[in-house]
Amino acid sequence: MQHAPSVWLTTANPAPQLPQLDQGIQTDVAIIGAGYTGLAAAHHLRRAGVACIVLEANDVGWGASGRNGGMAVLRYKKSWAALARELGRERTRHLHRLLHQAVDLLEQTVDEYRIDCAFARYGHITAANGKRALATLTADAEWLAAEAGDRAPRMLDARETADLTGTSCYLGGYLDPRAGGIHPLNYARGFAAGLSAAGVPIYVGTAVDTLREEASGGVVLETSNAVVRAKQVLVATNAYTDLREYGTDLSRRIVPVSTSVITTAPLPASALAAIVRERHLVSDTRHLLNYFRIAPGDRLLYGGRGSLTGRQSPEVYRGLEAKLRETFPALAGVEIDHRWSGKVAVTLDDFPHVGRVSPRIAYAMGYGGRGVALTQLLGKMLAHLAMGELNDPGPMNGGAFRPIPLHALRIPAMKAVAGYYRLLDGLRL
């Protein structure tokens, strides 16, 4: 399949030249999916001296790893204060440490493989759409300072938020200067090229059609051209897990949700000086959130919820363009030069999960839009799981990751929830 027509594709470095699998092969670990999770797992297996291969049905970074906003943020979907109330102080501190490890792993990977992906600690602003959201963000900053000794995030008032974002839409914001940004497709391509050069076989255009555990031990993976025999299989297909289920129930443990993104045509220097002038990454506190940043070529990238059915629709992009121009009235006449969509995998508890479906098949998925950082961490944990090592992912373990009740009714349920969220967002609570 072709890549989505994103700004990342048109500004990407050349794809690494990787083969299709055309003959049978044996390995210790077979990884399904050449996105960030699968590549991270392969990286840590290689460093431990474990033989592994990566099998990708399409191309490296074809899914969310090549289409996302490129934001490695230092927040989960739930607020820190809410997590502390739900999980307790110690488990929330552990989650805080894990998230920082995730962004550090991203930076270390960029350095180790010398990946040309414009990585930088740009900083991330969570912009408050209402008074309640602003109070939640303030409570987060206070909790981190008091309970985790983390005083790096700071609150912004409405004036400073407007100055840094270029819009007066928000009542204030929460700035964490340590959040990272990348060119997501260049990161995936550079990571794959580095692994390949280090001796990890990565096969593209190689869909795993069936997966079968053998009573004698090991797993057989059948592709269109060859058979793979492995001791362990790692499933790293995230929101695209439902394309091939391999006899597991993993696709019923997540809900794929579409997200859509647009970019403006290149902006003049005068406009750039007024919009995200310090190149921060920005997302808001809406239930149906929007996010924006400066993209290659001095464009403004603006993203938000896509079609609930997953089908491409001009109406989705018209709504996104209207929201962009509402946020930035000065851009009313600017042309849009890229429009694309993809999927994120949402879970019931808003956490990704890493675990096993059997003694020989493991998975990591469900990032819910937080995958740029967390894939690095869960990919590492997935590799450790394949090696029989214990992880402590806290609530991101597989224990509570079960099939979602009434999963077949997810689209009408999503429509109802989206309608309710639009109402709440309109109230600007």
Protein backbone atom coordinates (compact mmCIF):
# COMPACT_ATOMS: atom_id res chain seq x y z
CA MET A 1 0.00 0.00 0.00
CA GLN A 2 1.05 3.58 -0.60
CA HIS A 3 1.88 5.91 2.26
CA ALA A 4 -0.65 8.54 3.32
CA PRO A 5 -0.17 11.81 1.37
CA SER A 6 1.28 13.62 4.37
CA VAL A 7 3.69 16.51 4.69
CA TRP A 8 6.07 13.99 6.23
CA LEU A 9 6.05 11.93 3.04
CA THR A 10 6.73 14.86 0.73
CA THR A 11 9.61 16.07 2.94
CA ALA A 12 11.01 12.64 3.87
CA ASN A 13 14.46 11.25 3.36
CA PRO A 14 14.63 8.34 0.88
CA ALA A 15 13.25 5.07 2.20
CA PRO A 16 15.84 2.40 3.04
CA GLN A 17 16.10 -0.32 0.42
CA LEU A 18 14.65 -3.34 2.19
CA PRO A 19 13.72 -6.69 0.65
CA GLN A 20 10.58 -8.78 0.60
CA LEU A 21 10.88 -12.18 2.21
CA ASP A 22 11.11 -14.77 -0.57
CA GLN A 23 12.49 -17.83 1.18
CA GLY A 24 11.93 -19.75 4.39
CA ILE A 25 13.76 -18.58 7.49
CA GLN A 26 14.22 -19.51 11.15
CA THR A 27 14.79 -17.05 13.96
CA ASP A 28 14.48 -16.69 17.70
CA VAL A 29 11.95 -13.83 17.57
CA ALA A 30 9.68 -12.73 14.72
CA ILE A 31 8.26 -9.21 15.06
CA ILE A 32 5.10 -8.30 13.15
CA GLY A 33 5.02 -4.59 12.31
CA ALA A 34 7.79 -2.15 11.35
CA GLY A 35 6.47 0.85 13.23
CA TYR A 36 8.09 2.37 16.29
CA THR A 37 7.13 -0.49 18.63
CA GLY A 38 8.43 -3.25 16.39
CA LEU A 39 11.63 -1.40 15.56
CA ALA A 40 12.26 -0.59 19.24
CA ALA A 41 11.77 -4.24 20.17
CA ALA A 42 14.20 -5.29 17.43
CA HIS A 43 16.74 -2.73 18.65
CA HIS A 44 16.76 -4.07 22.21
CA LEU A 45 16.81 -7.70 21.08
CA ARG A 46 19.79 -6.94 18.84
CA ARG A 47 21.65 -5.29 21.69
CA ALA A 48 21.05 -8.40 23.82
CA GLY A 49 22.35 -10.67 21.06
CA VAL A 50 18.98 -12.28 20.31
CA ALA A 51 18.33 -13.17 16.68
CA CYS A 52 15.19 -11.48 15.36
CA ILE A 53 13.50 -10.40 12.16
CA VAL A 54 10.86 -7.78 11.41
CA LEU A 55 7.97 -8.51 9.03
CA GLU A 56 6.01 -5.57 7.61
CA ALA A 57 2.98 -5.96 5.33
CA ASN A 58 3.45 -2.54 3.75
CA ASP A 59 6.46 -0.27 4.27
CA VAL A 60 8.42 0.98 7.26
CA GLY A 61 6.36 3.67 8.98
CA TRP A 62 3.29 3.02 6.83
CA GLY A 63 0.87 3.21 9.78
CA ALA A 64 0.70 5.71 12.62
CA SER A 65 4.49 5.83 12.90
CA GLY A 66 4.73 7.74 9.63
CA ARG A 67 1.56 9.82 9.91
CA ASN A 68 1.46 11.22 13.46
CA GLY A 69 2.16 14.73 14.68
CA GLY A 70 5.69 13.89 15.82
CA MET A 71 5.10 14.95 19.43
CA ALA A 72 6.78 13.05 22.28
CA VAL A 73 4.85 14.60 25.17
CA LEU A 74 5.41 14.05 28.88
CA ARG A 75 1.79 13.52 29.88
CA TYR A 76 -0.55 10.56 29.84
CA LYS A 77 -4.14 11.02 28.74
CA LYS A 78 -5.23 11.29 32.39
CA SER A 79 -3.93 14.10 34.58
CA TRP A 80 -1.25 13.48 37.19
CA ALA A 81 -3.52 14.47 40.05
CA ALA A 82 -6.29 12.17 38.78
CA LEU A 83 -3.83 9.28 38.40
CA ALA A 84 -2.64 9.80 41.97
CA ARG A 85 -6.21 9.66 43.26
CA GLU A 86 -6.90 6.51 41.23
CA LEU A 87 -3.61 4.63 41.59
CA GLY A 88 -1.90 6.12 44.63
CA ARG A 89 1.24 8.19 44.99
CA GLU A 90 3.88 5.51 44.46
CA ARG A 91 2.37 4.01 41.30
CA THR A 92 1.89 7.49 39.85
CA ARG A 93 5.51 8.40 40.61
CA HIS A 94 6.51 5.20 38.83
CA LEU A 95 4.46 6.24 35.79
CA HIS A 96 6.20 9.61 35.86
CA ARG A 97 9.63 7.93 35.80
CA LEU A 98 8.57 5.61 32.97
CA LEU A 99 7.40 8.47 30.78
CA HIS A 100 10.69 10.29 31.17
CA GLN A 101 12.52 7.06 30.36
CA ALA A 102 10.42 6.83 27.18
CA VAL A 103 11.46 10.25 25.86
CA ASP A 104 15.06 9.61 26.91
CA LEU A 105 14.99 6.33 24.95
CA LEU A 106 13.79 8.23 21.89
CA GLU A 107 16.67 10.68 22.17
CA GLN A 108 19.19 7.89 22.77
CA THR A 109 17.98 6.02 19.70
CA VAL A 110 18.31 9.12 17.54
CA ASP A 111 21.87 9.57 18.80
CA GLU A 112 22.91 5.92 18.50
CA TYR A 113 21.78 5.52 14.89
CA ARG A 114 22.41 9.16 13.95
CA ILE A 115 18.85 9.49 12.68
CA ASP A 116 18.19 12.63 10.65
CA CYS A 117 14.70 13.39 11.97
CA ALA A 118 14.98 16.93 13.40
CA PHE A 119 14.72 15.68 16.98
CA ALA A 120 14.76 18.47 19.55
CA ARG A 121 13.36 19.17 22.99
CA TYR A 122 10.97 21.77 21.64
CA GLY A 123 8.74 21.78 24.72
CA HIS A 124 5.02 21.07 24.80
CA ILE A 125 2.17 23.37 25.78
CA THR A 126 -1.10 21.89 27.00
CA ALA A 127 -3.50 24.75 26.30
CA ALA A 128 -6.56 25.10 28.54
CA ASN A 129 -9.93 25.52 26.84
CA GLY A 130 -11.81 26.31 30.04
CA LYS A 131 -11.56 27.17 33.73
CA ARG A 132 -11.93 23.57 34.88
CA ALA A 133 -9.17 22.46 32.52
CA LEU A 134 -6.93 25.25 33.75
CA ALA A 135 -7.51 24.17 37.36
CA THR A 136 -6.65 20.57 36.40
CA LEU A 137 -3.39 21.65 34.81
CA THR A 138 -2.52 23.79 37.82
CA ALA A 139 -3.17 20.82 40.12
CA ASP A 140 -0.85 18.73 37.93
CA ALA A 141 2.00 21.20 38.21
CA GLU A 142 1.51 21.37 41.97
CA TRP A 143 1.36 17.57 42.33
CA LEU A 144 4.54 17.04 40.31
CA ALA A 145 6.44 19.61 42.35
CA ALA A 146 5.24 18.31 45.71
CA GLU A 147 5.16 14.55 45.11
CA ALA A 148 7.71 13.88 42.35
CA GLY A 149 10.15 16.72 42.96
CA ASP A 150 9.60 17.79 39.36
CA ARG A 151 9.45 21.56 39.02
CA ALA A 152 10.22 21.79 35.30
CA PRO A 153 6.61 22.18 34.11
CA ARG A 154 5.20 25.64 34.70
CA MET A 155 1.86 27.33 34.28
CA LEU A 156 1.26 30.05 31.72
CA ASP A 157 -1.36 32.74 32.08
CA ALA A 158 -3.64 33.66 29.19
CA ARG A 159 -1.34 36.43 27.97
CA GLU A 160 1.81 34.28 27.86
CA THR A 161 -0.11 31.40 26.28
CA ALA A 162 -1.33 33.71 23.53
CA ASP A 163 2.18 35.07 23.05
CA LEU A 164 3.73 31.60 22.68
CA THR A 165 0.97 29.95 20.63
CA GLY A 166 -0.16 32.87 18.48
CA THR A 167 -3.83 32.50 19.41
CA SER A 168 -6.03 34.06 22.08
CA CYS A 169 -8.33 31.02 22.26
CA TYR A 170 -6.98 29.68 25.54
CA LEU A 171 -7.31 30.71 29.17
CA GLY A 172 -3.79 29.57 30.02
CA GLY A 173 -1.49 26.63 29.61
CA TYR A 174 0.95 24.12 31.06
CA LEU A 175 4.44 24.14 29.55
CA ASP A 176 6.86 21.23 29.87
CA PRO A 177 10.11 22.27 28.18
CA ARG A 178 11.46 18.68 28.00
CA ALA A 179 8.95 17.29 25.49
CA GLY A 180 10.49 16.24 22.19
CA GLY A 181 9.51 16.56 18.57
CA ILE A 182 10.54 14.60 15.49
CA HIS A 183 9.89 14.22 11.79
CA PRO A 184 8.02 10.94 12.34
CA LEU A 185 8.56 9.25 8.99
CA ASN A 186 12.24 10.16 8.91
CA TYR A 187 12.58 8.70 12.38
CA ALA A 188 10.99 5.40 11.30
CA ARG A 189 13.07 5.25 8.12
CA GLY A 190 16.30 6.17 9.88
CA PHE A 191 15.67 3.68 12.67
CA ALA A 192 14.99 0.89 10.16
CA ALA A 193 18.06 1.80 8.11
CA GLY A 194 20.23 1.72 11.23
CA LEU A 195 18.88 -1.64 12.35
CA SER A 196 19.31 -3.11 8.89
CA ALA A 197 22.91 -1.89 8.72
CA ALA A 198 23.50 -3.47 12.13
CA GLY A 199 22.34 -6.84 10.82
CA VAL A 200 18.65 -7.00 11.73
CA PRO A 201 16.65 -8.40 8.77
CA ILE A 202 13.61 -6.22 8.00
CA TYR A 203 11.23 -7.45 5.31
CA VAL A 204 8.71 -5.06 3.77
CA GLY A 205 5.77 -5.98 1.53
CA THR A 206 5.65 -9.19 3.55
CA ALA A 207 2.26 -9.73 5.16
CA VAL A 208 1.89 -12.49 7.72
CA ASP A 209 -1.23 -14.30 6.53
CA THR A 210 -1.47 -16.95 9.23
CA LEU A 211 0.18 -17.62 12.54
CA ARG A 212 0.16 -21.07 14.15
CA GLU A 213 1.63 -22.29 17.42
CA GLU A 214 3.04 -25.79 17.27
CA ALA A 215 2.60 -28.37 20.01
CA SER A 216 6.29 -29.20 19.80
CA GLY A 217 7.20 -25.58 20.56
CA GLY A 218 7.63 -22.46 18.45
CA VAL A 219 5.40 -20.60 16.05
CA VAL A 220 4.94 -20.91 12.29
CA LEU A 221 4.22 -17.71 10.35
CA GLU A 222 3.06 -18.06 6.78
CA THR A 223 3.53 -15.21 4.31
CA SER A 224 2.60 -15.15 0.64
CA ASN A 225 6.08 -16.23 -0.45
CA ALA A 226 7.72 -18.00 2.48
CA VAL A 227 7.35 -19.60 5.88
CA VAL A 228 8.98 -18.27 9.05
CA ARG A 229 9.65 -20.42 12.09
CA ALA A 230 10.27 -18.63 15.37
CA LYS A 231 10.49 -19.38 19.06
CA GLN A 232 8.60 -16.18 19.94
CA VAL A 233 6.32 -13.78 18.08
CA LEU A 234 5.83 -10.12 19.01
CA VAL A 235 2.72 -8.39 17.64
CA ALA A 236 3.35 -4.67 17.13
CA THR A 237 0.47 -3.66 14.84
CA ASN A 238 -1.39 -1.24 17.18
CA ALA A 239 -4.41 0.45 15.52
CA TYR A 240 -4.09 -1.75 12.42
CA THR A 241 -4.32 -5.02 14.37
CA ASP A 242 -7.76 -5.77 12.91
CA LEU A 243 -6.30 -6.16 9.41
CA ARG A 244 -5.10 -9.63 10.45
CA GLU A 245 -6.02 -11.14 13.79
CA TYR A 246 -4.00 -14.38 13.71
CA GLY A 247 -6.53 -16.16 15.89
CA THR A 248 -6.06 -13.74 18.80
CA ASP A 249 -8.59 -11.39 20.37
CA LEU A 250 -6.20 -8.40 20.33
CA SER A 251 -8.27 -6.37 17.86
CA ARG A 252 -11.21 -6.50 20.30
CA ARG A 253 -9.12 -5.06 23.10
CA ILE A 254 -8.67 -1.72 21.31
CA VAL A 255 -10.85 0.69 19.35
CA PRO A 256 -9.19 2.17 16.24
CA VAL A 257 -10.10 5.85 16.05
CA SER A 258 -9.39 8.01 13.02
CA THR A 259 -7.43 11.21 13.31
CA SER A 260 -6.98 13.72 10.50
CA VAL A 261 -4.28 16.28 9.86
CA ILE A 262 -3.81 19.25 7.54
CA THR A 263 -0.95 21.63 6.84
CA THR A 264 -1.00 25.12 5.47
CA ALA A 265 1.03 26.14 2.49
CA PRO A 266 4.43 27.63 3.51
CA LEU A 267 3.89 30.72 5.64
CA PRO A 268 5.70 34.04 5.27
CA ALA A 269 8.19 35.09 7.93
CA SER A 270 5.73 37.65 9.33
CA ALA A 271 3.15 34.94 10.04
CA LEU A 272 5.72 32.55 11.50
CA ALA A 273 6.88 35.24 13.89
CA ALA A 274 3.38 35.37 15.38
CA ILE A 275 2.47 31.65 15.44
CA VAL A 276 4.22 29.21 17.78
CA ARG A 277 7.17 31.57 17.58
CA GLU A 278 9.43 29.40 19.77
CA ARG A 279 8.45 26.20 17.91
CA HIS A 280 6.65 24.65 20.85
CA LEU A 281 4.38 21.66 20.30
CA VAL A 282 0.80 22.45 21.29
CA SER A 283 -2.29 20.40 22.11
CA ASP A 284 -5.44 21.56 23.86
CA THR A 285 -7.66 20.14 26.57
CA ARG A 286 -10.75 19.50 24.49
CA HIS A 287 -12.23 16.03 24.79
CA LEU A 288 -11.99 15.97 20.98
CA LEU A 289 -8.61 17.61 21.09
CA ASN A 290 -6.76 19.59 18.49
CA TYR A 291 -3.00 19.95 18.20
CA PHE A 292 -0.59 22.02 16.14
CA ARG A 293 3.07 22.70 15.49
CA ILE A 294 5.36 24.06 12.80
CA ALA A 295 6.01 21.45 10.10
CA PRO A 296 8.79 21.27 7.48
CA GLY A 297 8.76 24.07 4.93
CA ASP A 298 7.46 26.66 7.43
CA ARG A 299 3.97 25.20 7.36
CA LEU A 300 1.51 25.05 10.23
CA LEU A 301 0.35 21.50 10.96
CA TYR A 302 -3.09 21.20 12.56
CA GLY A 303 -4.66 17.90 13.64
CA GLY A 304 -7.81 16.60 15.26
CA ARG A 305 -10.47 13.92 15.25
CA GLY A 306 -11.16 12.21 11.93
CA SER A 307 -14.14 10.31 10.60
CA LEU A 308 -15.74 8.03 13.19
CA THR A 309 -16.35 5.39 10.55
CA GLY A 310 -12.74 5.51 9.33
CA ARG A 311 -13.82 6.46 5.82
CA GLN A 312 -12.18 9.43 4.13
CA SER A 313 -14.56 12.36 3.85
CA PRO A 314 -14.18 15.96 2.58
CA GLU A 315 -16.41 17.07 5.46
CA VAL A 316 -13.81 15.99 8.00
CA TYR A 317 -11.15 18.19 6.41
CA ARG A 318 -13.57 21.11 6.01
CA GLY A 319 -14.31 20.92 9.73
CA LEU A 320 -10.61 20.80 10.56
CA GLU A 321 -9.88 23.77 8.29
CA ALA A 322 -12.70 25.74 9.94
CA LYS A 323 -11.24 24.97 13.38
CA LEU A 324 -7.76 26.05 12.24
CA ARG A 325 -9.10 29.38 10.97
CA GLU A 326 -11.13 29.86 14.13
CA THR A 327 -7.94 29.34 16.12
CA PHE A 328 -5.84 31.53 13.82
CA PRO A 329 -8.08 34.14 12.12
CA ALA A 330 -5.05 35.70 10.42
CA LEU A 331 -4.68 32.51 8.35
CA ALA A 332 -8.18 32.75 6.86
CA GLY A 333 -6.88 33.09 3.32
CA VAL A 334 -3.99 30.65 3.51
CA GLU A 335 -4.17 27.56 1.30
CA ILE A 336 -4.06 24.02 2.68
CA ASP A 337 -1.50 21.88 0.88
CA HIS A 338 -1.66 18.50 2.66
CA ARG A 339 -4.58 16.49 4.00
CA TRP A 340 -4.23 12.99 5.44
CA SER A 341 -5.68 10.63 8.01
CA GLY A 342 -4.62 7.65 10.10
CA LYS A 343 -5.69 5.65 13.12
CA VAL A 344 -4.84 5.62 16.80
CA ALA A 345 -5.68 2.71 19.10
CA VAL A 346 -7.81 3.66 22.10
CA THR A 347 -8.21 1.47 25.20
CA LEU A 348 -10.83 1.49 27.95
CA ASP A 349 -8.39 2.74 30.59
CA ASP A 350 -6.51 5.21 28.35
CA PHE A 351 -3.23 3.33 28.79
CA PRO A 352 -1.24 1.27 26.30
CA HIS A 353 -0.48 -2.28 27.37
CA VAL A 354 2.30 -4.83 27.03
CA GLY A 355 1.77 -8.51 27.77
CA ARG A 356 1.16 -12.00 26.41
CA VAL A 357 -1.69 -13.83 24.74
CA SER A 358 0.19 -17.11 25.08
CA PRO A 359 3.60 -18.34 26.26
CA ARG A 360 4.98 -17.73 22.76
CA ILE A 361 3.02 -14.67 21.53
CA ALA A 362 3.33 -11.22 23.11
CA TYR A 363 2.09 -7.74 22.15
CA ALA A 364 2.35 -4.03 22.88
CA MET A 365 -0.37 -1.63 21.68
CA GLY A 366 -3.08 0.88 22.55
CA TYR A 367 -1.16 4.17 22.69
CA GLY A 368 -4.16 6.45 22.18
CA GLY A 369 -2.17 9.24 20.55
CA ARG A 370 0.75 9.07 23.01
CA GLY A 371 2.84 6.65 20.99
CA VAL A 372 5.82 8.72 19.86
CA ALA A 373 7.33 8.38 23.32
CA LEU A 374 5.60 5.34 24.79
CA THR A 375 6.37 3.04 21.85
CA GLN A 376 10.05 3.38 22.74
CA LEU A 377 9.39 2.20 26.29
CA LEU A 378 6.91 -0.58 25.50
CA GLY A 379 9.03 -1.79 22.60
CA LYS A 380 11.91 -2.23 25.03
CA MET A 381 9.64 -4.01 27.52
CA LEU A 382 8.33 -6.24 24.74
CA ALA A 383 11.89 -7.30 23.90
CA HIS A 384 12.55 -8.04 27.56
CA LEU A 385 9.35 -10.09 27.70
CA ALA A 386 10.57 -12.19 24.77
CA MET A 387 13.79 -12.82 26.69
CA GLY A 388 11.91 -13.94 29.79
CA GLU A 389 12.79 -10.85 31.80
CA LEU A 390 10.36 -9.16 34.17
CA ASN A 391 9.05 -5.66 33.44
CA ASP A 392 7.19 -3.30 35.74
CA PRO A 393 4.99 -1.24 33.43
CA GLY A 394 2.60 -0.40 36.27
CA PRO A 395 -0.98 -0.10 34.98
CA MET A 396 0.32 -0.59 31.43
CA ASN A 397 0.69 -4.33 32.06
CA GLY A 398 -1.52 -6.84 30.27
CA GLY A 399 -3.46 -7.95 33.34
CA ALA A 400 -6.41 -5.63 32.83
CA PHE A 401 -6.19 -5.57 29.03
CA ARG A 402 -9.26 -7.58 28.06
CA PRO A 403 -11.67 -7.62 25.11
CA ILE A 404 -14.01 -4.64 25.20
CA PRO A 405 -17.65 -5.60 25.86
CA LEU A 406 -19.99 -5.07 22.88
CA HIS A 407 -16.99 -4.26 20.68
CA ALA A 408 -19.11 -4.78 17.55
CA LEU A 409 -21.21 -1.75 18.56
CA ARG A 410 -18.19 0.56 18.85
CA ILE A 411 -19.13 2.90 15.96
CA PRO A 412 -22.62 3.89 17.23
CA ALA A 413 -21.13 4.12 20.74
CA MET A 414 -18.34 6.36 19.46
CA LYS A 415 -20.87 8.60 17.70
CA ALA A 416 -22.83 9.01 20.93
CA VAL A 417 -19.69 9.75 22.95
CA ALA A 418 -18.40 12.18 20.31
CA GLY A 419 -21.70 14.08 20.40
CA TYR A 420 -21.49 14.35 24.17
CA TYR A 421 -17.87 15.50 23.97
CA ARG A 422 -18.74 18.19 21.42
CA LEU A 423 -21.34 19.47 23.86
CA LEU A 424 -18.82 19.60 26.70
CA ASP A 425 -16.19 21.22 24.49
CA GLY A 426 -18.69 23.86 23.43
CA LEU A 427 -19.40 24.74 27.06
CA ARG A 428 -15.65 25.41 27.61
CA LEU A 429 -15.85 24.18 31.20
